[in-house]
Amino acid sequence: MVLGLPIISHQLRRRQSAIRYINYILLGIYLFANLYLTMLSRPVSLYRHMEMTPFWSYRAALQGNASLQEEVILNILLYVPLGYLLHYACPKLKWWMVILAGFLMSGLTETIQLLFKLGLCEVDDLISNTFGTVIGVGAYMGYKRIEGTKH
């Protein structure tokens, strides 16, 4: 889905009304999938787990911890569609507002995970998710720049 967003946008660029509806549908599917992956699919733990040390998982990943390498990459990729689709759905939003929305959505997710004992609440997820949103916004802005030069 992450790599297909600019391709889908390009293929449908002449059908603006169709792409707008498709984008809203994709955004809805994405939001549900994100909710499912980050909260609904997780078992409730007996204890609250929290890690507030910034970049601990990045350091462990760089030292060769394969499971943390995968986790960091997946946390980044999880929010790339949000940055792209939200910016596409609401083009009047400034780029920083979309990134702020990604940050706030990630923060809300981490807070809910902590309150309802759904996995590990950690600062690194917030950092990774926000970085993913930045990549999505960048992909959208890059697509719009390329699209603009063709006209």
Protein backbone atom coordinates (compact mmCIF):
# COMPACT_ATOMS: atom_id res chain seq x y z
CA MET A 1 0.00 0.00 0.00
CA VAL A 2 2.81 2.39 0.90
CA LEU A 3 4.50 2.14 -2.51
CA GLY A 4 1.27 2.06 -4.47
CA LEU A 5 -0.15 5.39 -3.28
CA PRO A 6 1.69 7.65 -5.76
CA ILE A 7 1.01 5.16 -8.58
CA ILE A 8 -2.73 5.09 -7.84
CA SER A 9 -2.77 8.89 -7.58
CA HIS A 10 -1.00 9.23 -10.92
CA GLN A 11 -3.31 6.78 -12.71
CA LEU A 12 -6.43 8.56 -11.52
CA ARG A 13 -5.20 12.17 -11.71
CA ARG A 14 -7.62 13.03 -14.54
CA ARG A 15 -10.58 11.77 -12.53
CA GLN A 16 -10.38 14.11 -9.56
CA SER A 17 -13.82 13.30 -8.17
CA ALA A 18 -13.13 9.55 -8.36
CA ILE A 19 -9.72 9.85 -6.76
CA ARG A 20 -11.12 12.00 -3.96
CA TYR A 21 -13.66 9.27 -3.05
CA ILE A 22 -11.07 6.51 -3.43
CA ASN A 23 -8.70 8.46 -1.18
CA TYR A 24 -11.37 8.80 1.51
CA ILE A 25 -12.07 5.06 1.28
CA LEU A 26 -8.34 4.25 1.49
CA LEU A 27 -7.96 6.63 4.44
CA GLY A 28 -10.86 4.89 6.22
CA ILE A 29 -9.40 1.45 5.52
CA TYR A 30 -6.00 2.63 6.71
CA LEU A 31 -7.40 4.07 9.95
CA PHE A 32 -9.28 0.85 10.70
CA ALA A 33 -6.20 -1.28 9.88
CA ASN A 34 -4.06 0.93 12.12
CA LEU A 35 -6.59 0.62 14.95
CA TYR A 36 -6.71 -3.14 14.50
CA LEU A 37 -2.92 -3.60 14.35
CA THR A 38 -2.09 -1.33 17.26
CA MET A 39 -4.94 -2.10 19.64
CA LEU A 40 -7.73 -4.50 18.68
CA SER A 41 -5.48 -7.45 17.79
CA ARG A 42 -3.42 -7.25 20.98
CA PRO A 43 -4.06 -9.39 24.03
CA VAL A 44 -4.62 -7.60 27.32
CA SER A 45 -1.67 -7.98 29.66
CA LEU A 46 -1.76 -8.26 33.43
CA TYR A 47 0.66 -5.36 33.77
CA ARG A 48 1.29 -1.99 32.17
CA HIS A 49 4.53 -1.97 30.19
CA MET A 50 6.22 1.33 29.47
CA GLU A 51 9.61 2.34 28.06
CA MET A 52 10.27 6.07 28.08
CA THR A 53 13.98 6.02 27.17
CA PRO A 54 14.25 7.67 23.74
CA PHE A 55 16.01 5.69 20.99
CA TRP A 56 16.61 2.55 23.09
CA SER A 57 15.16 0.34 20.34
CA TYR A 58 17.21 2.14 17.68
CA ARG A 59 20.42 1.47 19.62
CA ALA A 60 19.50 -2.20 20.10
CA ALA A 61 18.56 -2.50 16.42
CA LEU A 62 21.89 -1.01 15.35
CA GLN A 63 23.65 -3.53 17.60
CA GLY A 64 22.07 -6.35 15.59
CA ASN A 65 18.81 -7.16 17.37
CA ALA A 66 16.84 -8.41 14.35
CA SER A 67 13.41 -8.31 15.99
CA LEU A 68 13.89 -4.66 16.99
CA GLN A 69 15.19 -3.83 13.51
CA GLU A 70 11.96 -5.20 12.10
CA GLU A 71 9.85 -3.44 14.74
CA VAL A 72 11.42 -0.03 14.05
CA ILE A 73 10.93 -0.41 10.29
CA LEU A 74 7.32 -1.59 10.67
CA ASN A 75 6.51 1.28 13.05
CA ILE A 76 7.83 3.75 10.49
CA LEU A 77 5.97 2.10 7.61
CA LEU A 78 2.74 1.96 9.62
CA TYR A 79 2.37 5.75 9.47
CA VAL A 80 3.61 6.49 5.93
CA PRO A 81 0.09 6.04 4.49
CA LEU A 82 -1.32 8.47 7.07
CA GLY A 83 1.04 11.24 5.95
CA TYR A 84 0.19 10.67 2.29
CA LEU A 85 -3.55 9.99 2.51
CA LEU A 86 -4.38 12.67 5.08
CA HIS A 87 -2.50 15.30 3.10
CA TYR A 88 -4.28 14.17 -0.07
CA ALA A 89 -7.70 14.16 1.64
CA CYS A 90 -7.15 17.59 3.19
CA PRO A 91 -4.87 19.50 0.79
CA LYS A 92 -5.50 22.79 2.60
CA LEU A 93 -3.71 21.45 5.67
CA LYS A 94 -0.13 22.64 5.96
CA TRP A 95 2.52 19.91 5.90
CA TRP A 96 3.33 20.48 9.57
CA MET A 97 -0.33 20.05 10.53
CA VAL A 98 -0.39 16.60 8.92
CA ILE A 99 2.80 15.68 10.78
CA LEU A 100 1.28 17.00 14.01
CA ALA A 101 -1.83 14.85 13.36
CA GLY A 102 0.43 11.80 12.94
CA PHE A 103 2.25 12.64 16.16
CA LEU A 104 -1.02 13.11 18.06
CA MET A 105 -2.55 9.92 16.64
CA SER A 106 0.54 7.97 17.64
CA GLY A 107 0.52 9.57 21.09
CA LEU A 108 -3.15 8.66 21.53
CA THR A 109 -2.41 5.08 20.46
CA GLU A 110 0.46 4.77 22.94
CA THR A 111 -1.66 6.25 25.73
CA ILE A 112 -4.52 3.82 25.04
CA GLN A 113 -2.07 0.92 24.94
CA LEU A 114 -0.77 1.98 28.35
CA LEU A 115 -4.18 2.54 29.92
CA PHE A 116 -5.68 -0.72 28.65
CA LYS A 117 -2.48 -2.80 29.05
CA LEU A 118 -2.17 -3.54 25.32
CA GLY A 119 1.53 -4.13 24.74
CA LEU A 120 4.47 -1.82 25.31
CA CYS A 121 3.92 1.92 25.47
CA GLU A 122 7.15 3.53 24.32
CA VAL A 123 8.59 6.83 23.16
CA ASP A 124 10.39 5.10 20.28
CA ASP A 125 7.05 4.13 18.71
CA LEU A 126 6.01 7.77 18.84
CA ILE A 127 9.28 8.79 17.17
CA SER A 128 9.05 6.06 14.50
CA ASN A 129 5.39 6.74 13.75
CA THR A 130 6.01 10.48 13.43
CA PHE A 131 8.96 9.81 11.12
CA GLY A 132 6.71 7.60 9.01
CA THR A 133 4.18 10.44 8.77
CA VAL A 134 7.00 12.75 7.63
CA ILE A 135 7.93 10.26 4.88
CA GLY A 136 4.28 10.07 3.78
CA VAL A 137 3.98 13.87 3.64
CA GLY A 138 7.23 14.00 1.67
CA ALA A 139 5.94 11.39 -0.78
CA TYR A 140 2.74 13.38 -1.28
CA MET A 141 4.62 16.65 -1.77
CA GLY A 142 7.02 14.95 -4.18
CA TYR A 143 4.11 13.52 -6.15
CA LYS A 144 2.39 16.92 -6.32
CA ARG A 145 5.65 18.57 -7.46
CA ILE A 146 6.12 15.99 -10.25
CA GLU A 147 2.46 16.23 -11.22
CA GLY A 148 2.69 20.03 -11.31
CA THR A 149 5.64 20.04 -13.71
CA LYS A 150 3.73 17.96 -16.27
CA HIS A 151 1.01 20.61 -16.70
